[in-house]
Amino acid sequence: MALPEIIKDRMDLEISPQLSITLFPENGGQPGIDVIKVNFADVKGKRVSIFLTPCEAMELASGLNTSVQFYLYNQEQYRKEILEPREKIAEQRTAG
């Protein structure tokens, strides 16, 4: 049994109006090993693209995942250590 043919046709994934990913983009002057293109657009529609190897894309995804987890942890700590005590003080002031 033979392996299926390797697919190298361009594929676009529109994540949001500001973010899209292109697999197997036209090289555009980039080395052939860069097979993932991440496209960012700002609110004015200006687009910026970066080309990544699969390893670089995995490192970026891992770094973003870790950053978001750390951010959410800090937000929870902020809520517990700062906002909840302030809410209690505000309730005491309005009650008294």
N, C-alpha and C. Protein backbone atom coordinates (compact mmCIF):
# COMPACT_ATOMS: atom_id res chain seq x y z
N MET A 1 0.85 -1.18 0.00
CA MET A 1 0.00 0.00 0.00
C MET A 1 0.89 1.24 0.00
N ALA A 2 0.67 2.13 -0.94
CA ALA A 2 1.48 3.34 -1.08
C ALA A 2 0.93 4.46 -0.20
N LEU A 3 1.81 5.35 0.18
CA LEU A 3 1.39 6.53 0.94
C LEU A 3 0.63 7.47 0.02
N PRO A 4 -0.31 8.25 0.59
CA PRO A 4 -1.04 9.21 -0.26
C PRO A 4 -0.09 10.30 -0.75
N GLU A 5 -0.49 10.95 -1.81
CA GLU A 5 0.31 12.02 -2.38
C GLU A 5 0.43 13.18 -1.38
N ILE A 6 1.60 13.79 -1.34
CA ILE A 6 1.82 14.93 -0.44
C ILE A 6 1.07 16.14 -0.99
N ILE A 7 0.30 16.80 -0.11
CA ILE A 7 -0.46 17.98 -0.52
C ILE A 7 0.38 19.21 -0.26
N LYS A 8 0.62 19.98 -1.28
CA LYS A 8 1.36 21.23 -1.11
C LYS A 8 0.63 22.37 -1.78
N ASP A 9 -0.70 22.24 -1.87
CA ASP A 9 -1.50 23.32 -2.42
C ASP A 9 -1.69 24.38 -1.34
N ARG A 10 -1.74 25.62 -1.76
CA ARG A 10 -1.94 26.73 -0.83
C ARG A 10 -3.26 26.54 -0.09
N MET A 11 -3.22 26.75 1.24
CA MET A 11 -4.41 26.69 2.07
C MET A 11 -4.45 27.93 2.95
N ASP A 12 -5.61 28.58 3.01
CA ASP A 12 -5.78 29.78 3.81
C ASP A 12 -6.77 29.52 4.94
N LEU A 13 -6.40 29.94 6.13
CA LEU A 13 -7.26 29.82 7.30
C LEU A 13 -7.51 31.22 7.84
N GLU A 14 -8.74 31.69 7.70
CA GLU A 14 -9.11 33.01 8.21
C GLU A 14 -9.59 32.84 9.65
N ILE A 15 -8.78 33.29 10.58
CA ILE A 15 -9.13 33.15 12.00
C ILE A 15 -10.03 34.30 12.45
N SER A 16 -9.69 35.51 12.02
CA SER A 16 -10.47 36.69 12.33
C SER A 16 -10.14 37.74 11.28
N PRO A 17 -10.83 38.89 11.31
CA PRO A 17 -10.46 39.94 10.34
C PRO A 17 -9.01 40.43 10.50
N GLN A 18 -8.44 40.23 11.70
CA GLN A 18 -7.08 40.68 11.94
C GLN A 18 -6.03 39.60 11.79
N LEU A 19 -6.42 38.34 11.69
CA LEU A 19 -5.44 37.26 11.70
C LEU A 19 -5.82 36.16 10.71
N SER A 20 -4.86 35.78 9.89
CA SER A 20 -5.05 34.64 9.00
C SER A 20 -3.73 33.90 8.86
N ILE A 21 -3.84 32.62 8.48
CA ILE A 21 -2.66 31.78 8.31
C ILE A 21 -2.72 31.15 6.94
N THR A 22 -1.59 31.15 6.25
CA THR A 22 -1.50 30.54 4.93
C THR A 22 -0.47 29.42 4.99
N LEU A 23 -0.89 28.23 4.60
CA LEU A 23 0.04 27.10 4.48
C LEU A 23 0.51 27.02 3.04
N PHE A 24 1.76 26.72 2.86
CA PHE A 24 2.37 26.61 1.54
C PHE A 24 2.14 27.86 0.69
N PRO A 25 2.51 29.04 1.21
CA PRO A 25 2.32 30.27 0.43
C PRO A 25 3.30 30.31 -0.73
N GLU A 26 2.99 31.17 -1.69
CA GLU A 26 3.98 31.43 -2.72
C GLU A 26 5.19 32.04 -2.02
N ASN A 27 6.35 31.67 -2.44
CA ASN A 27 7.57 32.03 -1.70
C ASN A 27 7.73 33.52 -1.47
N GLY A 28 7.49 34.36 -2.44
CA GLY A 28 7.64 35.79 -2.24
C GLY A 28 9.02 36.16 -1.76
N GLY A 29 10.05 35.47 -2.26
CA GLY A 29 11.41 35.78 -1.86
C GLY A 29 11.87 35.06 -0.62
N GLN A 30 11.01 34.25 -0.02
CA GLN A 30 11.36 33.52 1.18
C GLN A 30 11.94 32.16 0.82
N PRO A 31 12.76 31.58 1.68
CA PRO A 31 13.28 30.23 1.42
C PRO A 31 12.15 29.22 1.32
N GLY A 32 12.38 28.16 0.56
CA GLY A 32 11.36 27.15 0.35
C GLY A 32 10.94 26.40 1.59
N ILE A 33 11.77 26.43 2.64
CA ILE A 33 11.41 25.70 3.86
C ILE A 33 10.40 26.45 4.70
N ASP A 34 10.21 27.73 4.44
CA ASP A 34 9.22 28.50 5.18
C ASP A 34 7.85 28.22 4.59
N VAL A 35 7.10 27.34 5.23
CA VAL A 35 5.86 26.88 4.63
C VAL A 35 4.62 27.42 5.34
N ILE A 36 4.80 28.27 6.35
CA ILE A 36 3.65 28.84 7.06
C ILE A 36 3.81 30.36 7.05
N LYS A 37 2.75 31.04 6.66
CA LYS A 37 2.75 32.50 6.62
C LYS A 37 1.64 32.98 7.55
N VAL A 38 1.98 33.82 8.52
CA VAL A 38 1.01 34.37 9.45
C VAL A 38 0.80 35.83 9.06
N ASN A 39 -0.46 36.18 8.80
CA ASN A 39 -0.83 37.52 8.33
C ASN A 39 -1.58 38.27 9.43
N PHE A 40 -1.07 39.44 9.78
CA PHE A 40 -1.72 40.29 10.76
C PHE A 40 -2.23 41.54 10.05
N ALA A 41 -3.40 42.02 10.45
CA ALA A 41 -3.93 43.27 9.91
C ALA A 41 -4.33 44.16 11.08
N ASP A 42 -3.98 45.45 10.97
CA ASP A 42 -4.40 46.36 12.02
C ASP A 42 -5.78 46.92 11.68
N VAL A 43 -6.30 47.78 12.53
CA VAL A 43 -7.65 48.29 12.32
C VAL A 43 -7.78 49.13 11.06
N LYS A 44 -6.67 49.66 10.57
CA LYS A 44 -6.71 50.44 9.34
C LYS A 44 -6.55 49.56 8.10
N GLY A 45 -6.38 48.25 8.31
CA GLY A 45 -6.26 47.33 7.19
C GLY A 45 -4.84 47.08 6.71
N LYS A 46 -3.86 47.72 7.34
CA LYS A 46 -2.47 47.48 6.96
C LYS A 46 -2.08 46.07 7.36
N ARG A 47 -1.50 45.31 6.40
CA ARG A 47 -1.15 43.92 6.66
C ARG A 47 0.35 43.76 6.85
N VAL A 48 0.70 42.92 7.81
CA VAL A 48 2.08 42.54 8.07
C VAL A 48 2.11 41.02 8.10
N SER A 49 3.08 40.42 7.44
CA SER A 49 3.17 38.96 7.39
C SER A 49 4.53 38.51 7.87
N ILE A 50 4.54 37.36 8.54
CA ILE A 50 5.79 36.72 8.90
C ILE A 50 5.76 35.29 8.36
N PHE A 51 6.91 34.83 7.92
CA PHE A 51 7.05 33.47 7.41
C PHE A 51 7.73 32.62 8.46
N LEU A 52 7.21 31.42 8.69
CA LEU A 52 7.74 30.55 9.73
C LEU A 52 7.94 29.14 9.22
N THR A 53 8.93 28.47 9.77
CA THR A 53 9.06 27.04 9.56
C THR A 53 8.07 26.36 10.51
N PRO A 54 7.77 25.10 10.32
CA PRO A 54 6.88 24.42 11.27
C PRO A 54 7.41 24.46 12.70
N CYS A 55 8.72 24.32 12.88
CA CYS A 55 9.29 24.37 14.23
C CYS A 55 9.10 25.74 14.87
N GLU A 56 9.32 26.79 14.09
CA GLU A 56 9.13 28.14 14.61
C GLU A 56 7.67 28.38 14.95
N ALA A 57 6.76 27.88 14.12
CA ALA A 57 5.33 28.05 14.39
C ALA A 57 4.94 27.34 15.68
N MET A 58 5.48 26.15 15.92
CA MET A 58 5.18 25.43 17.16
C MET A 58 5.73 26.17 18.37
N GLU A 59 6.93 26.73 18.25
CA GLU A 59 7.51 27.50 19.35
C GLU A 59 6.67 28.74 19.63
N LEU A 60 6.20 29.40 18.58
CA LEU A 60 5.36 30.58 18.74
C LEU A 60 4.04 30.20 19.42
N ALA A 61 3.42 29.12 18.96
CA ALA A 61 2.16 28.67 19.55
C ALA A 61 2.35 28.31 21.03
N SER A 62 3.43 27.64 21.35
CA SER A 62 3.72 27.27 22.73
C SER A 62 3.95 28.52 23.58
N GLY A 63 4.70 29.46 23.05
CA GLY A 63 4.95 30.70 23.78
C GLY A 63 3.68 31.50 24.03
N LEU A 64 2.81 31.56 23.02
CA LEU A 64 1.54 32.26 23.19
C LEU A 64 0.66 31.57 24.22
N ASN A 65 0.62 30.25 24.17
CA ASN A 65 -0.18 29.49 25.13
C ASN A 65 0.30 29.74 26.56
N THR A 66 1.61 29.69 26.76
CA THR A 66 2.17 29.94 28.09
C THR A 66 1.88 31.36 28.54
N SER A 67 2.01 32.32 27.64
CA SER A 67 1.75 33.72 27.98
C SER A 67 0.30 33.94 28.38
N VAL A 68 -0.63 33.34 27.66
CA VAL A 68 -2.04 33.49 27.98
C VAL A 68 -2.35 32.85 29.32
N GLN A 69 -1.80 31.68 29.60
CA GLN A 69 -2.02 31.04 30.89
C GLN A 69 -1.49 31.91 32.03
N PHE A 70 -0.30 32.48 31.85
CA PHE A 70 0.28 33.35 32.87
C PHE A 70 -0.58 34.60 33.06
N TYR A 71 -1.05 35.17 31.95
CA TYR A 71 -1.90 36.36 32.02
C TYR A 71 -3.18 36.05 32.79
N LEU A 72 -3.82 34.93 32.47
CA LEU A 72 -5.06 34.57 33.15
C LEU A 72 -4.83 34.29 34.63
N TYR A 73 -3.71 33.66 34.95
CA TYR A 73 -3.38 33.42 36.36
C TYR A 73 -3.21 34.75 37.09
N ASN A 74 -2.48 35.68 36.46
CA ASN A 74 -2.29 36.99 37.09
C ASN A 74 -3.60 37.74 37.25
N GLN A 75 -4.49 37.60 36.25
CA GLN A 75 -5.79 38.27 36.35
C GLN A 75 -6.57 37.71 37.54
N GLU A 76 -6.50 36.40 37.75
CA GLU A 76 -7.19 35.78 38.88
C GLU A 76 -6.58 36.27 40.19
N GLN A 77 -5.25 36.33 40.24
CA GLN A 77 -4.58 36.83 41.44
C GLN A 77 -4.97 38.29 41.69
N TYR A 78 -5.01 39.09 40.62
CA TYR A 78 -5.38 40.50 40.74
C TYR A 78 -6.79 40.62 41.30
N ARG A 79 -7.69 39.79 40.79
CA ARG A 79 -9.07 39.83 41.26
C ARG A 79 -9.15 39.48 42.74
N LYS A 80 -8.44 38.43 43.15
CA LYS A 80 -8.52 37.98 44.54
C LYS A 80 -7.80 38.92 45.50
N GLU A 81 -6.63 39.42 45.10
CA GLU A 81 -5.82 40.20 46.02
C GLU A 81 -6.16 41.68 46.04
N ILE A 82 -6.72 42.21 44.97
CA ILE A 82 -6.96 43.65 44.90
C ILE A 82 -8.44 43.98 44.76
N LEU A 83 -9.10 43.39 43.77
CA LEU A 83 -10.49 43.78 43.52
C LEU A 83 -11.45 43.34 44.61
N GLU A 84 -11.35 42.09 45.06
CA GLU A 84 -12.28 41.62 46.10
C GLU A 84 -12.16 42.42 47.40
N PRO A 85 -10.94 42.69 47.90
CA PRO A 85 -10.85 43.54 49.10
C PRO A 85 -11.41 44.95 48.88
N ARG A 86 -11.19 45.51 47.69
CA ARG A 86 -11.74 46.84 47.41
C ARG A 86 -13.26 46.80 47.37
N GLU A 87 -13.82 45.74 46.83
CA GLU A 87 -15.28 45.61 46.81
C GLU A 87 -15.83 45.54 48.23
N LYS A 88 -15.16 44.82 49.12
CA LYS A 88 -15.61 44.72 50.51
C LYS A 88 -15.56 46.09 51.20
N ILE A 89 -14.48 46.83 50.95
CA ILE A 89 -14.36 48.18 51.53
C ILE A 89 -15.47 49.08 51.00
N ALA A 90 -15.75 48.99 49.70
CA ALA A 90 -16.82 49.81 49.10
C ALA A 90 -18.17 49.44 49.70
N GLU A 91 -18.42 48.15 49.90
CA GLU A 91 -19.70 47.73 50.50
C GLU A 91 -19.82 48.24 51.93
N GLN A 92 -18.71 48.20 52.69
CA GLN A 92 -18.73 48.71 54.07
C GLN A 92 -19.01 50.21 54.09
N ARG A 93 -18.43 50.95 53.15
CA ARG A 93 -18.65 52.40 53.10
C ARG A 93 -20.10 52.73 52.76
N THR A 94 -20.66 52.00 51.82
CA THR A 94 -22.04 52.29 51.43
C THR A 94 -23.03 51.82 52.50
N ALA A 95 -22.67 50.78 53.26
CA ALA A 95 -23.56 50.28 54.31
C ALA A 95 -23.52 51.18 55.54
N GLY A 96 -22.39 51.81 55.79
CA GLY A 96 -22.21 52.58 57.03
C GLY A 96 -22.32 54.00 56.81
